[in-house]
Amino acid sequence: IDIADLIAREDVVINLTHCGYVKRLPVAEYRAQHRAGQGVIGITTKEEDFVEKIFVTSTHDTLLFFTNMGKVYSLKGYEIPEASRQAKGRAIINLLQLTPGEKVTALIPLKENEQGYLMMATKNGLIKKTALEEFASIRKVGKIAIKLVDGDELMSVELTNGSDEILVATHNGKCIHFAETDVRAMGRDTQGVKCMDLDDDDYMVSMIRIKFDKNCEKTHENCEKTAENEQILTKNENEAQNETMYKVLTITENGYGKRSDISNYRLQIRAGKGVKAGVLNDKTGMLVGLKQISQNDDVILISDKGTIIRVNGNEISEFNRDSLGVRVMKVMEGEKIVSMAITPTNEDKDVQAQEEERVENCEAETGEDNISATLENKLENEEFKQENDAE
């Protein structure tokens, strides 16, 4: 008798943290906790850790773990240890036979008999599309998902349907938006094709499969070819109807960010130079990443000093693509944001406030807060004086 035949089929919630801890818990417990007002993240982590991926799957669904070295490992949902809502879970290195220096960079849940493709992007600017059937059987020691050259690493993986749209971004703030059909399907043990024409000092930091609102048509269905063999979005008579609930969020090293509509990122041909993802300078720092965020999402930012902040997406202003943005997180001198993650909005304000506190061993806050408060008080006093003079 196969052990899988003894496992009940039930929906479960899988949590994966930034530091590599994973656990599962029943959906019923998760929903009860959600209704009680404790937020959607029911997990106790180290102060410098946070939940990076959370999704509902089945105990018999397959989870594909992709690593920076281009390998893929597989576990069934029931193979993820069940834990309580408060437990941090099990270290992923205890479940997968990872080699020294190997770390998980992407996790893809697959339903039984799922069809589609896996789109993989590397740091050095390659992209590859491989049919899911190539990953039907994966041994415990893992399998090669993409062939990498020395110095390159697997940066991101997305599940696609064959006709999706892809948006990638680089450290120097360039991005390119292209149709998935521009990438032909290839075998598993191959390198892929050029995704973007990178400068010598540049590298890719993000790849996303673009999500569209049900009321918004895909951009490639509203495009016209130009003489330069590019595709430019045509102007919709009612731009408001053409906007989606999903916005493109960009974050820079020095804590600046903005939300933009996907229509700001024109559809192009793969392997081009791309367009600016924003205005980058000494004030903003370089681009950390680019993701899509909805009205029901928060963004979590973490710095190289261990600072973590959680911000509701709606609090980040919307701007055009080629703009500076606003300060999302204040970083100290010598500090840089190194990672970002999107997670469902946490409804518990106390929990959210705790997650925004600085972790232990971080340097003390500078006097910038006091300076800002003084300036705000001064402005308020001046406004009050002007109102009295007017009276």
Protein backbone atom coordinates (compact mmCIF):
# COMPACT_ATOMS: atom_id res chain seq x y z
CA ILE A 1 0.00 0.00 0.00
CA ASP A 2 1.35 3.41 -0.96
CA ILE A 3 1.55 5.81 1.97
CA ALA A 4 -0.21 8.42 -0.16
CA ASP A 5 -3.32 6.23 -0.18
CA LEU A 6 -3.50 6.54 3.60
CA ILE A 7 -3.38 10.34 3.60
CA ALA A 8 -6.72 12.13 3.59
CA ARG A 9 -7.27 14.68 0.84
CA GLU A 10 -7.82 18.03 2.47
CA ASP A 11 -7.01 21.65 1.84
CA VAL A 12 -4.13 23.05 3.86
CA VAL A 13 -2.27 26.33 4.17
CA ILE A 14 1.46 26.31 3.45
CA ASN A 15 3.73 29.00 4.96
CA LEU A 16 7.31 29.59 3.80
CA THR A 17 9.39 32.22 5.59
CA HIS A 18 12.19 34.41 4.32
CA CYS A 19 14.74 32.46 6.38
CA GLY A 20 13.58 29.12 5.01
CA TYR A 21 11.09 27.69 7.51
CA VAL A 22 8.05 25.86 6.18
CA LYS A 23 4.92 24.40 7.76
CA ARG A 24 1.35 23.43 6.96
CA LEU A 25 -1.86 23.78 8.94
CA PRO A 26 -5.51 22.97 8.21
CA VAL A 27 -7.53 25.59 6.38
CA ALA A 28 -10.20 25.44 9.10
CA GLU A 29 -7.73 26.56 11.77
CA TYR A 30 -6.40 29.28 9.51
CA ARG A 31 -9.86 30.68 8.77
CA ALA A 32 -10.88 30.58 12.43
CA GLN A 33 -7.77 32.58 13.30
CA HIS A 34 -8.54 35.03 10.51
CA ARG A 35 -12.08 35.69 11.79
CA ALA A 36 -10.74 36.25 15.29
CA GLY A 37 -8.85 39.26 14.03
CA GLN A 38 -5.30 37.95 14.40
CA GLY A 39 -4.40 38.54 10.76
CA VAL A 40 -3.67 36.14 7.95
CA ILE A 41 -0.15 35.29 9.09
CA GLY A 42 -0.46 32.83 11.95
CA ILE A 43 3.17 32.06 12.70
CA THR A 44 5.83 32.89 15.26
CA THR A 45 9.14 33.70 13.58
CA LYS A 46 12.49 35.09 14.61
CA GLU A 47 12.42 38.89 14.70
CA GLU A 48 14.41 39.16 11.48
CA ASP A 49 12.19 36.60 9.70
CA PHE A 50 8.79 36.94 8.07
CA VAL A 51 6.35 34.91 5.98
CA GLU A 52 7.29 35.32 2.33
CA LYS A 53 4.87 32.88 0.69
CA ILE A 54 1.46 31.75 1.88
CA PHE A 55 -1.03 29.77 -0.20
CA VAL A 56 -3.78 27.18 -0.02
CA THR A 57 -3.10 23.79 -1.55
CA SER A 58 -4.06 20.14 -1.03
CA THR A 59 -2.25 17.47 0.91
CA HIS A 60 -1.88 15.56 -2.38
CA ASP A 61 -0.74 18.51 -4.49
CA THR A 62 2.91 18.81 -5.50
CA LEU A 63 5.24 21.56 -4.32
CA LEU A 64 8.23 22.38 -6.53
CA PHE A 65 11.19 24.03 -4.78
CA PHE A 66 13.65 25.78 -7.12
CA THR A 67 17.13 26.77 -5.95
CA ASN A 68 19.70 29.36 -6.95
CA MET A 69 21.82 26.58 -8.47
CA GLY A 70 19.16 25.75 -11.05
CA LYS A 71 17.86 22.56 -9.43
CA VAL A 72 14.30 21.62 -8.53
CA TYR A 73 13.09 19.46 -5.65
CA SER A 74 9.63 18.07 -5.07
CA LEU A 75 7.48 17.39 -2.01
CA LYS A 76 3.84 16.47 -1.60
CA GLY A 77 1.69 18.69 0.55
CA TYR A 78 1.42 16.01 3.23
CA GLU A 79 5.24 15.80 3.42
CA ILE A 80 5.38 19.31 4.84
CA PRO A 81 5.25 18.86 8.63
CA GLU A 82 2.03 20.01 10.23
CA ALA A 83 2.51 22.56 12.97
CA SER A 84 0.44 24.78 15.20
CA ARG A 85 -0.48 28.29 14.25
CA GLN A 86 2.18 29.71 16.57
CA ALA A 87 5.02 27.36 15.57
CA LYS A 88 7.70 28.63 13.19
CA GLY A 89 7.81 25.34 11.26
CA ARG A 90 10.65 23.14 10.03
CA ALA A 91 13.83 24.37 8.35
CA ILE A 92 13.62 23.57 4.65
CA ILE A 93 17.19 22.23 4.69
CA ASN A 94 15.90 19.36 6.84
CA LEU A 95 13.37 18.37 4.16
CA LEU A 96 15.39 18.81 0.97
CA GLN A 97 18.83 17.41 0.15
CA LEU A 98 20.40 20.79 -0.53
CA THR A 99 24.12 21.13 -1.18
CA PRO A 100 26.33 23.75 0.56
CA GLY A 101 25.52 27.22 -0.74
CA GLU A 102 22.21 26.11 -2.25
CA LYS A 103 19.08 28.01 -1.22
CA VAL A 104 15.44 28.01 -2.30
CA THR A 105 14.58 30.98 -4.53
CA ALA A 106 11.09 29.96 -5.71
CA LEU A 107 8.23 27.72 -4.62
CA ILE A 108 5.52 26.66 -7.08
CA PRO A 109 2.42 24.72 -5.92
CA LEU A 110 0.90 22.43 -8.56
CA LYS A 111 -2.57 20.93 -8.61
CA GLU A 112 -2.97 17.33 -9.71
CA ASN A 113 -2.86 17.05 -13.51
CA GLU A 114 -1.93 20.74 -13.82
CA GLN A 115 -1.03 21.88 -17.33
CA GLY A 116 1.14 24.77 -18.38
CA TYR A 117 4.74 25.94 -18.36
CA LEU A 118 7.42 27.06 -15.96
CA MET A 119 9.11 30.33 -16.88
CA MET A 120 12.60 30.63 -15.38
CA ALA A 121 14.82 33.72 -15.31
CA THR A 122 18.49 33.95 -14.36
CA LYS A 123 20.51 36.75 -12.81
CA ASN A 124 22.60 37.17 -15.98
CA GLY A 125 19.58 37.84 -18.19
CA LEU A 126 18.51 34.47 -19.60
CA ILE A 127 14.95 33.17 -19.66
CA LYS A 128 13.59 29.71 -20.36
CA LYS A 129 10.15 28.16 -20.73
CA THR A 130 9.71 24.45 -20.07
CA ALA A 131 6.54 22.36 -20.11
CA LEU A 132 5.34 21.10 -16.73
CA GLU A 133 5.39 17.51 -17.98
CA GLU A 134 9.21 17.69 -17.88
CA PHE A 135 8.94 17.85 -14.08
CA ALA A 136 6.53 14.94 -13.63
CA SER A 137 9.09 12.77 -11.84
CA ILE A 138 11.69 14.28 -9.52
CA ARG A 139 13.99 12.21 -7.32
CA LYS A 140 14.83 13.06 -3.72
CA VAL A 141 18.25 14.38 -4.78
CA GLY A 142 16.55 16.85 -7.10
CA LYS A 143 16.72 17.41 -10.83
CA ILE A 144 18.28 20.05 -13.08
CA ALA A 145 15.64 22.66 -13.96
CA ILE A 146 17.90 24.95 -15.98
CA LYS A 147 21.51 24.67 -17.11
CA LEU A 148 23.59 27.50 -15.66
CA VAL A 149 27.02 28.81 -16.60
CA ASP A 150 29.58 29.76 -13.96
CA GLY A 151 28.62 32.94 -12.16
CA ASP A 152 24.93 32.74 -13.05
CA GLU A 153 22.06 31.68 -10.80
CA LEU A 154 18.34 31.02 -11.02
CA MET A 155 16.61 34.20 -9.90
CA SER A 156 12.87 33.59 -10.31
CA VAL A 157 10.29 31.03 -11.50
CA GLU A 158 6.67 31.61 -12.53
CA LEU A 159 3.87 29.22 -13.53
CA THR A 160 2.35 30.30 -16.87
CA ASN A 161 -0.39 29.11 -19.22
CA GLY A 162 1.42 29.61 -22.53
CA SER A 163 -0.14 32.98 -23.39
CA ASP A 164 0.69 35.11 -20.36
CA GLU A 165 2.73 38.31 -20.26
CA ILE A 166 6.04 38.71 -18.45
CA LEU A 167 7.69 41.74 -16.83
CA VAL A 168 11.33 41.66 -15.74
CA ALA A 169 13.50 44.32 -14.10
CA THR A 170 17.21 44.91 -13.51
CA HIS A 171 19.36 46.33 -10.71
CA ASN A 172 20.06 49.48 -12.74
CA GLY A 173 16.35 50.18 -13.11
CA LYS A 174 15.58 48.89 -16.60
CA CYS A 175 12.55 46.72 -17.31
CA ILE A 176 11.01 44.96 -20.28
CA HIS A 177 7.44 43.73 -20.79
CA PHE A 178 6.92 41.02 -23.39
CA ALA A 179 4.52 38.26 -24.39
CA GLU A 180 5.23 34.72 -23.22
CA THR A 181 4.82 33.56 -26.81
CA ASP A 182 8.14 35.31 -27.57
CA VAL A 183 9.84 32.50 -25.63
CA ARG A 184 9.71 29.07 -27.26
CA ALA A 185 9.42 25.99 -25.07
CA MET A 186 12.71 24.20 -24.43
CA GLY A 187 13.88 21.04 -22.72
CA ARG A 188 14.76 20.87 -19.06
CA ASP A 189 18.58 20.62 -19.28
CA THR A 190 19.08 23.75 -21.42
CA GLN A 191 20.25 27.32 -20.76
CA GLY A 192 17.41 29.31 -22.29
CA VAL A 193 17.47 32.43 -24.46
CA LYS A 194 18.28 36.09 -23.92
CA CYS A 195 15.59 37.83 -21.93
CA MET A 196 17.02 41.32 -21.97
CA ASP A 197 20.04 43.13 -23.39
CA LEU A 198 21.92 43.95 -20.18
CA ASP A 199 24.69 46.48 -19.65
CA ASP A 200 27.99 45.04 -18.41
CA ASP A 201 27.42 46.22 -14.84
CA ASP A 202 23.74 45.23 -14.68
CA TYR A 203 21.84 42.10 -13.65
CA MET A 204 18.23 40.98 -13.31
CA VAL A 205 16.49 41.27 -9.95
CA SER A 206 12.81 40.48 -10.65
CA MET A 207 10.48 38.57 -12.95
CA ILE A 208 6.70 38.48 -12.60
CA ARG A 209 3.82 36.96 -14.53
CA ILE A 210 1.45 39.86 -15.02
CA LYS A 211 -1.95 39.50 -13.40
CA PHE A 212 -4.92 41.25 -14.99
CA ASP A 213 -8.24 42.22 -13.52
CA LYS A 214 -11.12 40.27 -15.05
CA ASN A 215 -12.53 43.51 -16.47
CA CYS A 216 -9.24 44.45 -18.12
CA GLU A 217 -8.10 42.92 -21.39
CA LYS A 218 -4.51 41.83 -21.81
CA THR A 219 -2.30 44.58 -23.11
CA HIS A 220 -1.14 42.67 -26.16
CA GLU A 221 -4.75 42.59 -27.36
CA ASN A 222 -4.78 46.43 -27.38
CA CYS A 223 -1.44 47.04 -29.08
CA GLU A 224 -0.19 48.29 -32.40
CA LYS A 225 3.16 47.46 -34.01
CA THR A 226 5.48 50.41 -34.62
CA ALA A 227 8.08 50.77 -37.35
CA GLU A 228 10.79 49.91 -34.82
CA ASN A 229 9.15 46.50 -34.33
CA GLU A 230 7.93 47.50 -30.86
CA GLN A 231 4.43 47.33 -29.53
CA ILE A 232 2.96 50.48 -27.99
CA LEU A 233 -0.23 50.54 -25.99
CA THR A 234 -3.09 52.30 -27.75
CA LYS A 235 -4.99 54.94 -25.83
CA ASN A 236 -8.24 53.68 -24.41
CA GLU A 237 -11.11 56.14 -24.54
CA ASN A 238 -11.84 55.48 -20.91
CA GLU A 239 -8.51 54.98 -19.16
CA ALA A 240 -10.17 54.35 -15.82
CA GLN A 241 -11.84 51.22 -17.18
CA ASN A 242 -8.51 50.01 -18.53
CA GLU A 243 -6.74 50.17 -15.16
CA THR A 244 -6.52 47.01 -13.09
CA MET A 245 -6.67 46.37 -9.36
CA TYR A 246 -3.11 45.02 -9.68
CA LYS A 247 -0.43 47.70 -9.68
CA VAL A 248 3.28 47.38 -10.43
CA LEU A 249 5.28 48.19 -7.30
CA THR A 250 8.94 49.22 -7.50
CA ILE A 251 11.23 49.57 -4.47
CA THR A 252 14.75 51.04 -4.37
CA GLU A 253 17.68 50.41 -2.03
CA ASN A 254 17.20 53.67 -0.12
CA GLY A 255 13.53 53.06 0.57
CA TYR A 256 11.75 54.84 -2.27
CA GLY A 257 8.85 53.24 -4.09
CA LYS A 258 5.78 53.80 -6.19
CA ARG A 259 2.80 52.01 -7.68
CA SER A 260 2.09 52.27 -11.41
CA ASP A 261 -0.50 50.83 -13.74
CA ILE A 262 0.75 48.09 -16.06
CA SER A 263 -0.28 50.26 -19.03
CA ASN A 264 2.78 52.41 -18.19
CA TYR A 265 5.01 49.53 -19.25
CA ARG A 266 4.65 49.19 -23.01
CA LEU A 267 4.73 45.74 -24.55
CA GLN A 268 8.00 45.11 -26.39
CA ILE A 269 9.87 42.33 -28.12
CA ARG A 270 11.98 40.05 -25.93
CA ALA A 271 15.76 40.64 -25.76
CA GLY A 272 15.54 44.42 -26.14
CA LYS A 273 17.06 47.15 -23.96
CA GLY A 274 13.76 47.84 -22.23
CA VAL A 275 12.59 51.08 -20.63
CA LYS A 276 13.20 52.85 -17.33
CA ALA A 277 11.39 51.42 -14.33
CA GLY A 278 11.79 54.76 -12.58
CA VAL A 279 14.14 57.60 -11.76
CA LEU A 280 17.22 56.30 -9.94
CA ASN A 281 19.90 58.48 -8.38
CA ASP A 282 22.05 58.78 -5.26
CA LYS A 283 18.97 59.70 -3.27
CA THR A 284 16.96 56.60 -4.23
CA GLY A 285 19.69 54.03 -4.74
CA MET A 286 19.41 51.18 -7.23
CA LEU A 287 16.35 49.01 -7.84
CA VAL A 288 15.72 46.22 -5.32
CA GLY A 289 12.78 44.64 -7.09
CA LEU A 290 9.51 44.91 -8.93
CA LYS A 291 6.30 43.08 -8.05
CA GLN A 292 2.56 43.35 -8.53
CA ILE A 293 0.43 44.37 -5.58
CA SER A 294 -3.34 44.47 -5.15
CA GLN A 295 -5.63 46.49 -2.90
CA ASN A 296 -5.61 43.63 -0.39
CA ASP A 297 -1.83 43.28 -0.10
CA ASP A 298 0.98 44.57 2.08
CA VAL A 299 4.63 44.88 1.14
CA ILE A 300 7.33 43.73 3.56
CA LEU A 301 10.79 45.27 3.22
CA ILE A 302 13.97 44.04 4.90
CA SER A 303 17.32 45.82 5.05
CA ASP A 304 20.88 44.53 5.30
CA LYS A 305 20.89 45.72 8.95
CA GLY A 306 17.95 43.49 9.85
CA THR A 307 15.24 46.15 9.83
CA ILE A 308 11.80 44.94 8.77
CA ILE A 309 8.83 47.13 7.94
CA ARG A 310 5.37 46.24 6.72
CA VAL A 311 3.38 48.79 4.69
CA ASN A 312 -0.12 48.55 3.24
CA GLY A 313 0.02 48.85 -0.53
CA ASN A 314 -2.67 51.52 -0.64
CA GLU A 315 -0.43 53.83 1.41
CA ILE A 316 2.10 53.96 -1.43
CA SER A 317 1.19 56.67 -3.92
CA GLU A 318 0.60 55.99 -7.61
CA PHE A 319 2.92 57.62 -10.15
CA ASN A 320 3.84 57.20 -13.78
CA ARG A 321 6.53 54.65 -14.54
CA ASP A 322 9.32 57.16 -15.20
CA SER A 323 9.15 58.97 -11.85
CA LEU A 324 10.92 59.09 -8.50
CA GLY A 325 8.17 57.86 -6.20
CA VAL A 326 7.88 58.47 -2.45
CA ARG A 327 9.77 57.33 0.62
CA VAL A 328 8.31 54.02 1.79
CA MET A 329 10.93 53.17 4.39
CA LYS A 330 13.48 55.40 6.08
CA VAL A 331 16.91 53.76 6.10
CA MET A 332 19.91 54.77 8.17
CA GLU A 333 23.20 55.91 6.71
CA GLY A 334 25.01 52.91 5.24
CA GLU A 335 21.84 50.81 5.32
CA LYS A 336 20.15 49.40 2.20
CA ILE A 337 16.97 47.49 1.49
CA VAL A 338 17.88 44.06 0.15
CA SER A 339 14.58 42.18 -0.13
CA MET A 340 10.86 42.72 -0.65
CA ALA A 341 7.85 40.43 -0.43
CA ILE A 342 4.11 40.77 -1.02
CA THR A 343 1.73 39.26 1.52
CA PRO A 344 -2.01 39.51 2.27
CA THR A 345 -2.99 42.46 4.43
CA ASN A 346 -2.71 41.82 8.15
CA GLU A 347 -5.89 43.00 9.82
CA ASP A 348 -4.48 43.11 13.32
CA LYS A 349 -2.94 46.55 13.82
CA ASP A 350 -1.05 45.56 16.98
CA VAL A 351 0.64 42.67 15.20
CA GLN A 352 1.43 44.93 12.27
CA ALA A 353 2.96 47.53 14.59
CA GLN A 354 5.14 44.89 16.19
CA GLU A 355 6.40 43.74 12.80
CA GLU A 356 7.50 47.30 12.04
CA GLU A 357 9.74 47.53 15.10
CA ARG A 358 13.52 47.41 14.65
CA VAL A 359 15.10 44.05 15.49
CA GLU A 360 17.66 43.54 18.23
CA ASN A 361 21.27 44.61 17.71
CA CYS A 362 20.28 47.31 15.20
CA GLU A 363 21.76 50.75 15.64
CA ALA A 364 19.74 53.35 17.50
CA GLU A 365 17.52 55.61 15.49
CA THR A 366 19.08 58.92 14.47
CA GLY A 367 17.60 62.27 15.37
CA GLU A 368 15.82 62.55 12.01
CA ASP A 369 12.45 61.80 13.64
CA ASN A 370 12.91 64.68 16.09
CA ILE A 371 13.95 67.01 13.29
CA SER A 372 10.89 66.02 11.26
CA ALA A 373 8.62 66.51 14.26
CA THR A 374 10.12 69.95 14.90
CA LEU A 375 9.58 70.99 11.29
CA GLU A 376 5.99 69.73 11.37
CA ASN A 377 5.30 71.68 14.58
CA LYS A 378 6.85 74.78 13.06
CA LEU A 379 4.67 74.51 9.96
CA GLU A 380 1.56 73.99 12.09
CA ASN A 381 2.41 77.08 14.15
CA GLU A 382 2.91 79.16 11.02
CA GLU A 383 -0.41 77.99 9.59
CA PHE A 384 -2.13 78.77 12.90
CA LYS A 385 -0.59 82.26 12.93
CA GLN A 386 -1.71 82.90 9.33
CA GLU A 387 -5.26 81.86 10.19
CA ASN A 388 -5.32 84.24 13.17
CA ASP A 389 -3.95 87.10 11.04
CA ALA A 390 -6.64 86.45 8.43
CA GLU A 391 -9.31 86.68 11.11
